[in-house]
Amino acid sequence: MATRNVAVIVGSIRKDAFSLKTAKALAKLAPRSLTLNIVTLNGLSFFNQDLEANPPADWVEFRDTIQKSDAVLFVTPEYNRSIPGVLKNAIDIASRPYGKSSFLGRPIGLFGTSPGVHGGVSAVKHLQGILPGISGPIMQQPEAYAGGLGDAFDEKGELAKDSLKEFLTTYIQAFAAWVELHKK
């Protein structure tokens, strides 16, 4: 089995974001068949269709990162029952120009995070509405929402909650199988 490179797009730019900590934990728990590369959205400029003919260097770099990956995993918090604006901006950048989405042909995984009880379910549901037509196949099962993350990580940002470790392990193994199924 080949090692597959996965771009893990973190939907928050907060330094101590639960989504970033979760993405790092997933990278540590990933089977050897996957290499997870964390992609943060800090410094990604705003999408403006007027710039498509001559895109800014940060857009080109972000698109290249996606295009060089075998799969994409979104790990995102929920803001106001949706995805953060920085994540929507990144999706707009990577999905353009029309018909040339960087996500096409790449298996997609979705993982919602939250310190609250709902675990980012609305954010994931919005991604399920945004991505069809501009992405590859989206893994539907197992669904991945991790709530109650306030005590899931220690002061160094390391995973400290055994039940979450089990859930993350189950999810990343299922995602590895999903990627392999669609990249044969």
N, C-alpha and C. Protein backbone atom coordinates (compact mmCIF):
# COMPACT_ATOMS: atom_id res chain seq x y z
N MET A 1 0.85 -1.18 0.00
CA MET A 1 0.00 0.00 0.00
C MET A 1 0.90 1.24 0.00
N ALA A 2 0.62 2.16 -0.90
CA ALA A 2 1.40 3.39 -1.01
C ALA A 2 1.07 4.34 0.14
N THR A 3 2.03 5.16 0.49
CA THR A 3 1.77 6.21 1.48
C THR A 3 1.08 7.37 0.77
N ARG A 4 -0.04 7.79 1.31
CA ARG A 4 -0.83 8.87 0.72
C ARG A 4 -0.61 10.15 1.52
N ASN A 5 -0.40 11.25 0.82
CA ASN A 5 -0.24 12.55 1.45
C ASN A 5 -1.60 13.22 1.58
N VAL A 6 -1.90 13.66 2.79
CA VAL A 6 -3.19 14.29 3.09
C VAL A 6 -2.96 15.73 3.54
N ALA A 7 -3.59 16.66 2.87
CA ALA A 7 -3.59 18.05 3.32
C ALA A 7 -4.68 18.17 4.38
N VAL A 8 -4.28 18.51 5.59
CA VAL A 8 -5.24 18.67 6.69
C VAL A 8 -5.46 20.17 6.86
N ILE A 9 -6.60 20.64 6.37
CA ILE A 9 -6.91 22.07 6.43
C ILE A 9 -7.58 22.39 7.75
N VAL A 10 -6.92 23.21 8.56
CA VAL A 10 -7.43 23.59 9.87
C VAL A 10 -8.27 24.85 9.70
N GLY A 11 -9.52 24.78 10.13
CA GLY A 11 -10.48 25.86 9.91
C GLY A 11 -10.39 27.03 10.86
N SER A 12 -9.45 27.03 11.77
CA SER A 12 -9.29 28.13 12.72
C SER A 12 -7.87 28.67 12.63
N ILE A 13 -7.72 29.97 12.82
CA ILE A 13 -6.37 30.56 12.85
C ILE A 13 -5.93 30.90 14.27
N ARG A 14 -6.74 30.52 15.25
CA ARG A 14 -6.38 30.78 16.65
C ARG A 14 -5.18 29.91 17.03
N LYS A 15 -4.22 30.50 17.73
CA LYS A 15 -2.98 29.82 18.09
C LYS A 15 -3.23 28.52 18.85
N ASP A 16 -4.15 28.53 19.79
CA ASP A 16 -4.44 27.35 20.60
C ASP A 16 -5.77 26.70 20.22
N ALA A 17 -6.10 26.73 18.95
CA ALA A 17 -7.38 26.21 18.47
C ALA A 17 -7.51 24.71 18.75
N PHE A 18 -8.70 24.30 19.17
CA PHE A 18 -8.97 22.88 19.36
C PHE A 18 -8.87 22.13 18.04
N SER A 19 -9.24 22.78 16.95
CA SER A 19 -9.14 22.12 15.64
C SER A 19 -7.67 21.86 15.27
N LEU A 20 -6.78 22.78 15.60
CA LEU A 20 -5.36 22.57 15.34
C LEU A 20 -4.82 21.44 16.21
N LYS A 21 -5.19 21.43 17.47
CA LYS A 21 -4.74 20.36 18.37
C LYS A 21 -5.28 19.02 17.91
N THR A 22 -6.52 18.99 17.47
CA THR A 22 -7.12 17.75 16.98
C THR A 22 -6.41 17.28 15.71
N ALA A 23 -6.11 18.21 14.81
CA ALA A 23 -5.40 17.85 13.57
C ALA A 23 -4.03 17.25 13.90
N LYS A 24 -3.33 17.84 14.84
CA LYS A 24 -2.01 17.31 15.24
C LYS A 24 -2.15 15.93 15.88
N ALA A 25 -3.19 15.73 16.67
CA ALA A 25 -3.42 14.41 17.28
C ALA A 25 -3.73 13.38 16.20
N LEU A 26 -4.55 13.74 15.23
CA LEU A 26 -4.86 12.83 14.12
C LEU A 26 -3.59 12.46 13.35
N ALA A 27 -2.70 13.43 13.16
CA ALA A 27 -1.44 13.16 12.45
C ALA A 27 -0.60 12.13 13.20
N LYS A 28 -0.58 12.22 14.51
CA LYS A 28 0.19 11.27 15.32
C LYS A 28 -0.44 9.88 15.32
N LEU A 29 -1.77 9.83 15.20
CA LEU A 29 -2.48 8.55 15.27
C LEU A 29 -2.68 7.90 13.90
N ALA A 30 -2.34 8.60 12.84
CA ALA A 30 -2.58 8.09 11.48
C ALA A 30 -1.80 6.81 11.22
N PRO A 31 -2.40 5.89 10.49
CA PRO A 31 -1.66 4.69 10.11
C PRO A 31 -0.52 5.05 9.15
N ARG A 32 0.42 4.15 9.00
CA ARG A 32 1.59 4.43 8.17
C ARG A 32 1.23 4.67 6.70
N SER A 33 0.03 4.30 6.31
CA SER A 33 -0.39 4.51 4.92
C SER A 33 -0.71 5.97 4.62
N LEU A 34 -0.81 6.81 5.66
CA LEU A 34 -1.11 8.23 5.48
C LEU A 34 -0.02 9.10 6.10
N THR A 35 0.30 10.18 5.41
CA THR A 35 1.12 11.25 5.97
C THR A 35 0.24 12.49 6.00
N LEU A 36 -0.04 12.97 7.20
CA LEU A 36 -0.91 14.14 7.34
C LEU A 36 -0.07 15.40 7.44
N ASN A 37 -0.32 16.34 6.54
CA ASN A 37 0.39 17.62 6.49
C ASN A 37 -0.58 18.72 6.91
N ILE A 38 -0.30 19.33 8.05
CA ILE A 38 -1.18 20.37 8.60
C ILE A 38 -1.05 21.63 7.75
N VAL A 39 -2.21 22.16 7.33
CA VAL A 39 -2.26 23.39 6.53
C VAL A 39 -3.07 24.41 7.32
N THR A 40 -2.41 25.47 7.76
CA THR A 40 -3.12 26.54 8.44
C THR A 40 -3.44 27.64 7.44
N LEU A 41 -4.40 28.47 7.80
CA LEU A 41 -4.89 29.49 6.88
C LEU A 41 -4.40 30.89 7.24
N ASN A 42 -3.46 30.97 8.17
CA ASN A 42 -2.89 32.25 8.55
C ASN A 42 -2.22 32.89 7.34
N GLY A 43 -2.54 34.13 7.08
CA GLY A 43 -1.88 34.86 6.00
C GLY A 43 -2.47 34.64 4.62
N LEU A 44 -3.51 33.83 4.51
CA LEU A 44 -4.15 33.63 3.21
C LEU A 44 -5.03 34.84 2.92
N SER A 45 -4.72 35.52 1.82
CA SER A 45 -5.46 36.76 1.51
C SER A 45 -6.89 36.46 1.07
N PHE A 46 -7.72 37.50 1.05
CA PHE A 46 -9.13 37.34 0.70
C PHE A 46 -9.30 37.03 -0.78
N PHE A 47 -10.26 36.15 -1.06
CA PHE A 47 -10.61 35.86 -2.44
C PHE A 47 -11.25 37.08 -3.08
N ASN A 48 -10.84 37.36 -4.31
CA ASN A 48 -11.41 38.43 -5.11
C ASN A 48 -11.32 37.97 -6.56
N GLN A 49 -12.46 37.76 -7.19
CA GLN A 49 -12.48 37.23 -8.55
C GLN A 49 -11.71 38.11 -9.52
N ASP A 50 -11.58 39.40 -9.21
CA ASP A 50 -10.81 40.30 -10.08
C ASP A 50 -9.34 39.89 -10.18
N LEU A 51 -8.85 39.10 -9.22
CA LEU A 51 -7.45 38.70 -9.19
C LEU A 51 -7.19 37.34 -9.83
N GLU A 52 -8.23 36.69 -10.33
CA GLU A 52 -8.05 35.33 -10.86
C GLU A 52 -7.07 35.24 -12.03
N ALA A 53 -7.04 36.23 -12.89
CA ALA A 53 -6.14 36.19 -14.05
C ALA A 53 -4.68 36.23 -13.62
N ASN A 54 -4.41 36.88 -12.50
CA ASN A 54 -3.05 37.00 -11.97
C ASN A 54 -3.12 36.80 -10.45
N PRO A 55 -3.31 35.55 -10.00
CA PRO A 55 -3.55 35.31 -8.58
C PRO A 55 -2.35 35.63 -7.70
N PRO A 56 -2.62 36.08 -6.48
CA PRO A 56 -1.53 36.35 -5.53
C PRO A 56 -0.74 35.08 -5.24
N ALA A 57 0.51 35.25 -4.86
CA ALA A 57 1.40 34.12 -4.59
C ALA A 57 0.84 33.19 -3.51
N ASP A 58 0.18 33.75 -2.49
CA ASP A 58 -0.35 32.90 -1.42
C ASP A 58 -1.47 32.00 -1.93
N TRP A 59 -2.25 32.47 -2.90
CA TRP A 59 -3.29 31.62 -3.50
C TRP A 59 -2.65 30.46 -4.26
N VAL A 60 -1.64 30.79 -5.06
CA VAL A 60 -0.95 29.79 -5.87
C VAL A 60 -0.33 28.73 -4.97
N GLU A 61 0.31 29.16 -3.90
CA GLU A 61 0.94 28.22 -2.96
C GLU A 61 -0.11 27.32 -2.30
N PHE A 62 -1.22 27.90 -1.87
CA PHE A 62 -2.28 27.12 -1.24
C PHE A 62 -2.86 26.10 -2.22
N ARG A 63 -3.15 26.54 -3.44
CA ARG A 63 -3.68 25.62 -4.46
C ARG A 63 -2.69 24.50 -4.76
N ASP A 64 -1.41 24.83 -4.86
CA ASP A 64 -0.38 23.82 -5.12
C ASP A 64 -0.33 22.79 -4.00
N THR A 65 -0.46 23.26 -2.77
CA THR A 65 -0.45 22.34 -1.63
C THR A 65 -1.58 21.32 -1.75
N ILE A 66 -2.75 21.78 -2.11
CA ILE A 66 -3.90 20.88 -2.29
C ILE A 66 -3.65 19.94 -3.47
N GLN A 67 -3.19 20.49 -4.59
CA GLN A 67 -3.00 19.69 -5.80
C GLN A 67 -1.92 18.62 -5.64
N LYS A 68 -0.95 18.86 -4.76
CA LYS A 68 0.11 17.88 -4.51
C LYS A 68 -0.31 16.80 -3.52
N SER A 69 -1.48 16.95 -2.95
CA SER A 69 -1.99 15.99 -1.97
C SER A 69 -2.85 14.95 -2.64
N ASP A 70 -2.89 13.78 -2.02
CA ASP A 70 -3.75 12.70 -2.51
C ASP A 70 -5.17 12.83 -1.98
N ALA A 71 -5.31 13.50 -0.83
CA ALA A 71 -6.61 13.63 -0.17
C ALA A 71 -6.60 14.90 0.67
N VAL A 72 -7.80 15.30 1.11
CA VAL A 72 -7.95 16.49 1.94
C VAL A 72 -8.83 16.15 3.14
N LEU A 73 -8.38 16.56 4.31
CA LEU A 73 -9.15 16.40 5.54
C LEU A 73 -9.36 17.78 6.14
N PHE A 74 -10.62 18.17 6.29
CA PHE A 74 -10.96 19.43 6.94
C PHE A 74 -11.19 19.17 8.42
N VAL A 75 -10.51 19.92 9.27
CA VAL A 75 -10.74 19.85 10.72
C VAL A 75 -11.10 21.26 11.14
N THR A 76 -12.36 21.45 11.53
CA THR A 76 -12.84 22.82 11.71
C THR A 76 -13.72 23.00 12.93
N PRO A 77 -13.61 24.17 13.54
CA PRO A 77 -14.59 24.51 14.57
C PRO A 77 -15.86 25.00 13.90
N GLU A 78 -16.84 25.24 14.72
CA GLU A 78 -18.10 25.80 14.26
C GLU A 78 -18.20 27.23 14.79
N TYR A 79 -18.47 28.16 13.90
CA TYR A 79 -18.71 29.55 14.29
C TYR A 79 -20.13 29.92 13.87
N ASN A 80 -20.93 30.31 14.82
CA ASN A 80 -22.31 30.75 14.53
C ASN A 80 -23.06 29.76 13.65
N ARG A 81 -22.98 28.50 14.02
CA ARG A 81 -23.67 27.40 13.34
C ARG A 81 -23.23 27.20 11.89
N SER A 82 -21.99 27.57 11.57
CA SER A 82 -21.45 27.38 10.24
C SER A 82 -19.93 27.23 10.34
N ILE A 83 -19.27 27.36 9.20
CA ILE A 83 -17.81 27.29 9.19
C ILE A 83 -17.22 28.68 9.39
N PRO A 84 -16.00 28.77 9.89
CA PRO A 84 -15.34 30.06 10.02
C PRO A 84 -15.14 30.72 8.65
N GLY A 85 -15.17 32.05 8.63
CA GLY A 85 -14.97 32.80 7.39
C GLY A 85 -13.65 32.49 6.71
N VAL A 86 -12.58 32.25 7.50
CA VAL A 86 -11.28 31.97 6.90
C VAL A 86 -11.31 30.65 6.13
N LEU A 87 -12.11 29.70 6.60
CA LEU A 87 -12.21 28.43 5.89
C LEU A 87 -13.01 28.59 4.60
N LYS A 88 -14.10 29.31 4.65
CA LYS A 88 -14.87 29.56 3.42
C LYS A 88 -14.02 30.28 2.40
N ASN A 89 -13.24 31.26 2.85
CA ASN A 89 -12.33 31.98 1.96
C ASN A 89 -11.34 31.02 1.30
N ALA A 90 -10.76 30.11 2.09
CA ALA A 90 -9.80 29.14 1.56
C ALA A 90 -10.45 28.22 0.53
N ILE A 91 -11.67 27.79 0.81
CA ILE A 91 -12.39 26.94 -0.13
C ILE A 91 -12.63 27.69 -1.43
N ASP A 92 -13.03 28.96 -1.33
CA ASP A 92 -13.25 29.77 -2.53
C ASP A 92 -11.96 29.89 -3.35
N ILE A 93 -10.84 30.11 -2.69
CA ILE A 93 -9.56 30.24 -3.38
C ILE A 93 -9.18 28.94 -4.07
N ALA A 94 -9.27 27.82 -3.36
CA ALA A 94 -8.83 26.54 -3.92
C ALA A 94 -9.78 25.99 -4.98
N SER A 95 -11.04 26.42 -4.95
CA SER A 95 -12.01 25.88 -5.91
C SER A 95 -12.07 26.66 -7.21
N ARG A 96 -11.31 27.72 -7.33
CA ARG A 96 -11.34 28.58 -8.50
C ARG A 96 -10.06 28.42 -9.30
N PRO A 97 -9.97 28.82 -10.56
CA PRO A 97 -11.09 29.32 -11.34
C PRO A 97 -12.09 28.22 -11.65
N TYR A 98 -13.27 28.63 -12.10
CA TYR A 98 -14.36 27.71 -12.36
C TYR A 98 -13.89 26.52 -13.19
N GLY A 99 -14.25 25.33 -12.73
CA GLY A 99 -13.91 24.11 -13.45
C GLY A 99 -12.53 23.57 -13.16
N LYS A 100 -11.74 24.29 -12.35
CA LYS A 100 -10.36 23.87 -12.07
C LYS A 100 -10.11 23.77 -10.57
N SER A 101 -11.11 23.31 -9.84
CA SER A 101 -10.98 23.19 -8.39
C SER A 101 -9.80 22.29 -8.02
N SER A 102 -8.99 22.74 -7.10
CA SER A 102 -7.85 21.96 -6.60
C SER A 102 -8.31 20.73 -5.82
N PHE A 103 -9.57 20.71 -5.39
CA PHE A 103 -10.11 19.60 -4.61
C PHE A 103 -10.58 18.43 -5.48
N LEU A 104 -10.77 18.66 -6.77
CA LEU A 104 -11.32 17.62 -7.64
C LEU A 104 -10.45 16.37 -7.63
N GLY A 105 -11.11 15.22 -7.54
CA GLY A 105 -10.41 13.94 -7.58
C GLY A 105 -9.76 13.54 -6.27
N ARG A 106 -9.87 14.36 -5.26
CA ARG A 106 -9.25 14.05 -3.98
C ARG A 106 -10.32 13.62 -2.97
N PRO A 107 -10.15 12.44 -2.37
CA PRO A 107 -11.09 12.04 -1.33
C PRO A 107 -11.07 13.07 -0.19
N ILE A 108 -12.24 13.31 0.36
CA ILE A 108 -12.41 14.36 1.37
C ILE A 108 -12.91 13.76 2.68
N GLY A 109 -12.34 14.25 3.78
CA GLY A 109 -12.82 13.91 5.12
C GLY A 109 -13.22 15.19 5.84
N LEU A 110 -14.20 15.08 6.72
CA LEU A 110 -14.72 16.23 7.46
C LEU A 110 -14.74 15.91 8.94
N PHE A 111 -14.18 16.82 9.75
CA PHE A 111 -14.12 16.60 11.19
C PHE A 111 -14.44 17.91 11.89
N GLY A 112 -15.51 17.92 12.69
CA GLY A 112 -15.92 19.11 13.44
C GLY A 112 -15.43 19.06 14.87
N THR A 113 -15.03 20.22 15.39
CA THR A 113 -14.54 20.30 16.77
C THR A 113 -15.25 21.42 17.53
N SER A 114 -15.34 21.23 18.85
CA SER A 114 -15.97 22.27 19.66
C SER A 114 -15.73 21.99 21.14
N PRO A 115 -15.58 23.04 21.93
CA PRO A 115 -15.57 22.82 23.38
C PRO A 115 -16.98 22.55 23.89
N GLY A 116 -17.99 22.87 23.10
CA GLY A 116 -19.38 22.65 23.47
C GLY A 116 -19.82 21.23 23.17
N VAL A 117 -21.07 20.94 23.44
CA VAL A 117 -21.57 19.58 23.33
C VAL A 117 -21.89 19.14 21.91
N HIS A 118 -22.08 20.06 20.98
CA HIS A 118 -22.49 19.68 19.63
C HIS A 118 -21.33 19.31 18.72
N GLY A 119 -20.11 19.62 19.11
CA GLY A 119 -18.94 19.15 18.39
C GLY A 119 -18.76 19.63 16.98
N GLY A 120 -19.34 20.74 16.61
CA GLY A 120 -19.13 21.26 15.27
C GLY A 120 -20.00 20.62 14.21
N VAL A 121 -21.11 20.00 14.61
CA VAL A 121 -21.97 19.30 13.65
C VAL A 121 -22.49 20.24 12.57
N SER A 122 -22.87 21.46 12.92
CA SER A 122 -23.38 22.39 11.91
C SER A 122 -22.30 22.79 10.91
N ALA A 123 -21.07 22.94 11.37
CA ALA A 123 -19.97 23.26 10.46
C ALA A 123 -19.78 22.14 9.44
N VAL A 124 -19.78 20.91 9.91
CA VAL A 124 -19.61 19.78 9.01
C VAL A 124 -20.77 19.70 8.02
N LYS A 125 -21.99 19.91 8.51
CA LYS A 125 -23.15 19.87 7.61
C LYS A 125 -23.05 20.96 6.54
N HIS A 126 -22.52 22.12 6.90
CA HIS A 126 -22.35 23.17 5.89
C HIS A 126 -21.28 22.79 4.87
N LEU A 127 -20.21 22.16 5.33
CA LEU A 127 -19.20 21.68 4.38
C LEU A 127 -19.80 20.65 3.43
N GLN A 128 -20.69 19.80 3.94
CA GLN A 128 -21.34 18.82 3.09
C GLN A 128 -22.22 19.49 2.02
N GLY A 129 -22.66 20.71 2.29
CA GLY A 129 -23.43 21.45 1.30
C GLY A 129 -22.58 22.25 0.34
N ILE A 130 -21.40 22.65 0.77
CA ILE A 130 -20.51 23.50 -0.04
C ILE A 130 -19.67 22.68 -1.02
N LEU A 131 -19.16 21.54 -0.58
CA LEU A 131 -18.12 20.84 -1.33
C LEU A 131 -18.58 20.01 -2.54
N PRO A 132 -19.77 19.42 -2.55
CA PRO A 132 -20.14 18.65 -3.75
C PRO A 132 -20.08 19.52 -5.01
N GLY A 133 -19.52 18.95 -6.05
CA GLY A 133 -19.38 19.69 -7.31
C GLY A 133 -18.03 20.36 -7.46
N ILE A 134 -17.32 20.56 -6.35
CA ILE A 134 -15.98 21.15 -6.41
C ILE A 134 -14.93 20.26 -5.77
N SER A 135 -15.33 19.06 -5.32
CA SER A 135 -14.38 18.20 -4.64
C SER A 135 -14.49 16.77 -5.14
N GLY A 136 -13.63 15.94 -4.57
CA GLY A 136 -13.73 14.51 -4.81
C GLY A 136 -14.78 13.93 -3.88
N PRO A 137 -14.81 12.59 -3.77
CA PRO A 137 -15.81 11.94 -2.93
C PRO A 137 -15.64 12.29 -1.45
N ILE A 138 -16.75 12.58 -0.80
CA ILE A 138 -16.75 12.98 0.61
C ILE A 138 -17.14 11.80 1.47
N MET A 139 -16.28 11.45 2.43
CA MET A 139 -16.57 10.34 3.33
C MET A 139 -17.76 10.70 4.22
N GLN A 140 -18.78 9.86 4.22
CA GLN A 140 -19.99 10.12 5.00
C GLN A 140 -19.99 9.40 6.35
N GLN A 141 -19.31 8.25 6.44
CA GLN A 141 -19.30 7.47 7.67
C GLN A 141 -17.89 7.02 7.97
N PRO A 142 -17.42 7.04 9.19
CA PRO A 142 -18.16 7.56 10.33
C PRO A 142 -18.19 9.09 10.32
N GLU A 143 -19.29 9.64 10.81
CA GLU A 143 -19.35 11.07 10.98
C GLU A 143 -18.41 11.45 12.12
N ALA A 144 -17.83 12.64 12.05
CA ALA A 144 -16.83 13.00 13.05
C ALA A 144 -17.09 14.38 13.62
N TYR A 145 -17.58 14.37 14.85
CA TYR A 145 -17.82 15.60 15.61
C TYR A 145 -17.26 15.36 17.00
N ALA A 146 -16.33 16.19 17.43
CA ALA A 146 -15.74 16.03 18.75
C ALA A 146 -16.10 17.24 19.60
N GLY A 147 -16.98 17.03 20.55
CA GLY A 147 -17.37 18.09 21.47
C GLY A 147 -16.72 17.90 22.82
N GLY A 148 -16.92 18.86 23.68
CA GLY A 148 -16.36 18.78 25.03
C GLY A 148 -14.84 18.75 25.05
N LEU A 149 -14.21 19.49 24.15
CA LEU A 149 -12.75 19.42 24.04
C LEU A 149 -12.00 20.27 25.05
N GLY A 150 -12.73 20.97 25.93
CA GLY A 150 -12.08 21.85 26.89
C GLY A 150 -11.04 21.17 27.76
N ASP A 151 -11.24 19.89 28.06
CA ASP A 151 -10.28 19.16 28.90
C ASP A 151 -9.60 18.02 28.16
N ALA A 152 -9.65 18.03 26.84
CA ALA A 152 -9.13 16.91 26.04
C ALA A 152 -7.61 16.96 25.81
N PHE A 153 -7.01 18.12 26.03
CA PHE A 153 -5.59 18.30 25.77
C PHE A 153 -4.89 18.85 27.01
N ASP A 154 -3.65 18.45 27.21
CA ASP A 154 -2.91 18.97 28.37
C ASP A 154 -2.33 20.35 28.07
N GLU A 155 -1.56 20.89 29.01
CA GLU A 155 -1.01 22.24 28.85
C GLU A 155 -0.01 22.36 27.70
N LYS A 156 0.52 21.23 27.22
CA LYS A 156 1.43 21.24 26.08
C LYS A 156 0.68 21.02 24.75
N GLY A 157 -0.64 20.88 24.83
CA GLY A 157 -1.44 20.66 23.63
C GLY A 157 -1.52 19.21 23.20
N GLU A 158 -1.04 18.31 24.05
CA GLU A 158 -1.07 16.88 23.74
C GLU A 158 -2.41 16.28 24.15
N LEU A 159 -2.86 15.31 23.39
CA LEU A 159 -4.11 14.62 23.66
C LEU A 159 -4.04 13.93 25.02
N ALA A 160 -5.02 14.21 25.89
CA ALA A 160 -5.02 13.68 27.25
C ALA A 160 -6.27 12.87 27.58
N LYS A 161 -7.20 12.78 26.67
CA LYS A 161 -8.48 12.12 26.92
C LYS A 161 -8.53 10.80 26.14
N ASP A 162 -8.53 9.68 26.87
CA ASP A 162 -8.48 8.37 26.23
C ASP A 162 -9.66 8.11 25.31
N SER A 163 -10.86 8.53 25.71
CA SER A 163 -12.03 8.29 24.87
C SER A 163 -11.90 9.03 23.53
N LEU A 164 -11.31 10.23 23.55
CA LEU A 164 -11.10 10.96 22.30
C LEU A 164 -10.02 10.28 21.46
N LYS A 165 -8.98 9.78 22.10
CA LYS A 165 -7.93 9.07 21.37
C LYS A 165 -8.51 7.87 20.63
N GLU A 166 -9.39 7.13 21.28
CA GLU A 166 -10.03 5.98 20.64
C GLU A 166 -10.86 6.43 19.44
N PHE A 167 -11.62 7.50 19.62
CA PHE A 167 -12.47 8.01 18.54
C PHE A 167 -11.62 8.50 17.37
N LEU A 168 -10.57 9.26 17.65
CA LEU A 168 -9.70 9.76 16.59
C LEU A 168 -9.03 8.62 15.85
N THR A 169 -8.61 7.60 16.58
CA THR A 169 -7.97 6.43 15.95
C THR A 169 -8.94 5.72 15.02
N THR A 170 -10.16 5.51 15.48
CA THR A 170 -11.19 4.88 14.65
C THR A 170 -11.44 5.70 13.39
N TYR A 171 -11.56 7.02 13.58
CA TYR A 171 -11.85 7.89 12.43
C TYR A 171 -10.70 7.88 11.42
N ILE A 172 -9.47 8.05 11.87
CA ILE A 172 -8.36 8.17 10.93
C ILE A 172 -8.10 6.84 10.21
N GLN A 173 -8.38 5.74 10.86
CA GLN A 173 -8.26 4.44 10.17
C GLN A 173 -9.34 4.30 9.09
N ALA A 174 -10.56 4.74 9.40
CA ALA A 174 -11.62 4.71 8.39
C ALA A 174 -11.29 5.64 7.24
N PHE A 175 -10.73 6.82 7.55
CA PHE A 175 -10.36 7.75 6.49
C PHE A 175 -9.24 7.17 5.62
N ALA A 176 -8.29 6.48 6.22
CA ALA A 176 -7.22 5.84 5.44
C ALA A 176 -7.81 4.82 4.47
N ALA A 177 -8.78 4.05 4.91
CA ALA A 177 -9.43 3.07 4.03
C ALA A 177 -10.20 3.79 2.91
N TRP A 178 -10.85 4.91 3.24
CA TRP A 178 -11.59 5.71 2.26
C TRP A 178 -10.64 6.25 1.18
N VAL A 179 -9.52 6.78 1.62
CA VAL A 179 -8.54 7.32 0.68
C VAL A 179 -8.03 6.21 -0.23
N GLU A 180 -7.68 5.08 0.34
CA GLU A 180 -7.15 3.99 -0.47
C GLU A 180 -8.19 3.49 -1.48
N LEU A 181 -9.44 3.40 -1.05
CA LEU A 181 -10.52 2.97 -1.95
C LEU A 181 -10.63 3.89 -3.16
N HIS A 182 -10.44 5.18 -2.96
CA HIS A 182 -10.64 6.15 -4.04
C HIS A 182 -9.37 6.56 -4.77
N LYS A 183 -8.22 6.08 -4.32
CA LYS A 183 -6.96 6.45 -4.99
C LYS A 183 -6.31 5.25 -5.67
N LYS A 184 -7.02 4.11 -5.76
CA LYS A 184 -6.46 2.93 -6.44
C LYS A 184 -6.30 3.19 -7.92
